[in-house]
Amino acid sequence: MKKPLTTLFALTFVLLFGLVNVASAMKHEGPAAKADAKAIAKACKGKKAGDVVTIDGKEVTCPEKKAMKKKSTEKKAAPATPATPAQPAK
């Protein structure tokens, strides 16, 4: 019983150690993705969606431009007021 239990603990340790390293590596990839997005935006400026551009030796297709959200200039309706107030109880 001692040998299988030791093996189970060892495998659990190795698995968790590997998962922590993968999670740590994924966490550090964030800033590079932003830099790539800026490079793509700069290279695709003035081009149509679907055009192919070369960035650092890689061919990349230009994405569609995102639609700008329009700010609502309409005023929100005021809360409705009752036409006739309720009569007080007698």
Protein backbone atom coordinates (compact mmCIF):
# COMPACT_ATOMS: atom_id res chain seq x y z
CA MET A 1 0.00 0.00 0.00
CA LYS A 2 2.89 2.31 0.71
CA LYS A 3 4.39 2.11 -2.79
CA PRO A 4 1.20 2.99 -4.77
CA LEU A 5 0.44 5.84 -2.36
CA THR A 6 3.94 7.28 -2.76
CA THR A 7 3.63 6.96 -6.54
CA LEU A 8 0.29 8.78 -6.46
CA PHE A 9 1.74 11.65 -4.43
CA ALA A 10 4.74 11.90 -6.77
CA LEU A 11 2.55 12.01 -9.88
CA THR A 12 0.28 14.61 -8.28
CA PHE A 13 3.28 16.78 -7.43
CA VAL A 14 4.68 16.54 -10.97
CA LEU A 15 1.28 17.33 -12.50
CA LEU A 16 0.69 20.37 -10.28
CA PHE A 17 4.22 21.65 -10.84
CA GLY A 18 3.69 21.42 -14.60
CA LEU A 19 0.32 23.19 -14.43
CA VAL A 20 1.79 26.05 -12.39
CA ASN A 21 4.56 26.54 -14.95
CA VAL A 22 2.09 26.55 -17.85
CA ALA A 23 -0.15 29.06 -16.08
CA SER A 24 2.83 31.29 -15.36
CA ALA A 25 3.94 31.17 -18.99
CA MET A 26 0.46 32.03 -20.25
CA LYS A 27 0.30 35.01 -17.88
CA HIS A 28 3.43 36.55 -19.39
CA GLU A 29 2.21 36.40 -23.00
CA GLY A 30 -0.22 39.34 -22.61
CA PRO A 31 1.97 42.36 -23.49
CA ALA A 32 3.36 40.71 -26.63
CA ALA A 33 -0.15 40.28 -28.01
CA LYS A 34 -0.85 44.00 -27.54
CA ALA A 35 2.38 44.89 -29.35
CA ASP A 36 1.41 42.59 -32.22
CA ALA A 37 -2.03 44.20 -32.44
CA LYS A 38 -0.46 47.65 -32.63
CA ALA A 39 1.94 46.50 -35.37
CA ILE A 40 -0.95 45.01 -37.35
CA ALA A 41 -3.01 48.18 -36.95
CA LYS A 42 -0.09 50.31 -38.11
CA ALA A 43 0.62 48.10 -41.15
CA CYS A 44 -3.06 47.88 -42.14
CA LYS A 45 -3.68 51.62 -41.93
CA GLY A 46 -5.23 52.72 -45.21
CA LYS A 47 -5.78 49.14 -46.44
CA LYS A 48 -8.96 47.15 -46.93
CA ALA A 49 -10.08 44.28 -44.70
CA GLY A 50 -8.64 41.03 -46.03
CA ASP A 51 -5.53 42.60 -47.60
CA VAL A 52 -2.32 40.72 -46.86
CA VAL A 53 0.57 42.62 -45.26
CA THR A 54 3.99 41.41 -44.13
CA ILE A 55 5.03 42.05 -40.52
CA ASP A 56 8.40 40.75 -39.30
CA GLY A 57 8.49 38.22 -42.15
CA LYS A 58 4.99 36.89 -41.43
CA GLU A 59 2.07 37.38 -43.77
CA VAL A 60 -0.96 38.70 -41.91
CA THR A 61 -4.42 39.53 -43.23
CA CYS A 62 -5.89 42.85 -42.20
CA PRO A 63 -8.90 42.45 -39.90
CA GLU A 64 -12.20 44.24 -40.37
CA LYS A 65 -12.37 47.60 -38.69
CA LYS A 66 -14.50 47.69 -35.60
CA ALA A 67 -17.52 49.96 -35.76
CA MET A 68 -17.34 52.92 -33.44
CA LYS A 69 -20.03 52.97 -30.81
CA LYS A 70 -22.29 55.96 -31.26
CA LYS A 71 -22.97 57.92 -28.14
CA SER A 72 -26.62 58.25 -27.46
CA THR A 73 -27.69 61.88 -27.70
CA GLU A 74 -31.31 61.06 -27.03
CA LYS A 75 -32.60 62.01 -23.62
CA LYS A 76 -34.09 59.27 -21.54
CA ALA A 77 -37.80 59.59 -20.92
CA ALA A 78 -38.78 61.02 -17.55
CA PRO A 79 -40.60 58.63 -15.24
CA ALA A 80 -44.35 58.64 -15.81
CA THR A 81 -46.48 60.53 -13.32
CA PRO A 82 -50.03 59.43 -12.53
CA ALA A 83 -52.74 61.43 -14.27
CA THR A 84 -54.88 61.80 -11.15
CA PRO A 85 -53.47 61.38 -7.66
CA ALA A 86 -55.03 58.81 -5.38
CA GLN A 87 -57.68 60.10 -2.98
CA PRO A 88 -56.70 59.96 0.68
CA ALA A 89 -58.52 57.37 2.78
CA LYS A 90 -61.43 58.70 4.90
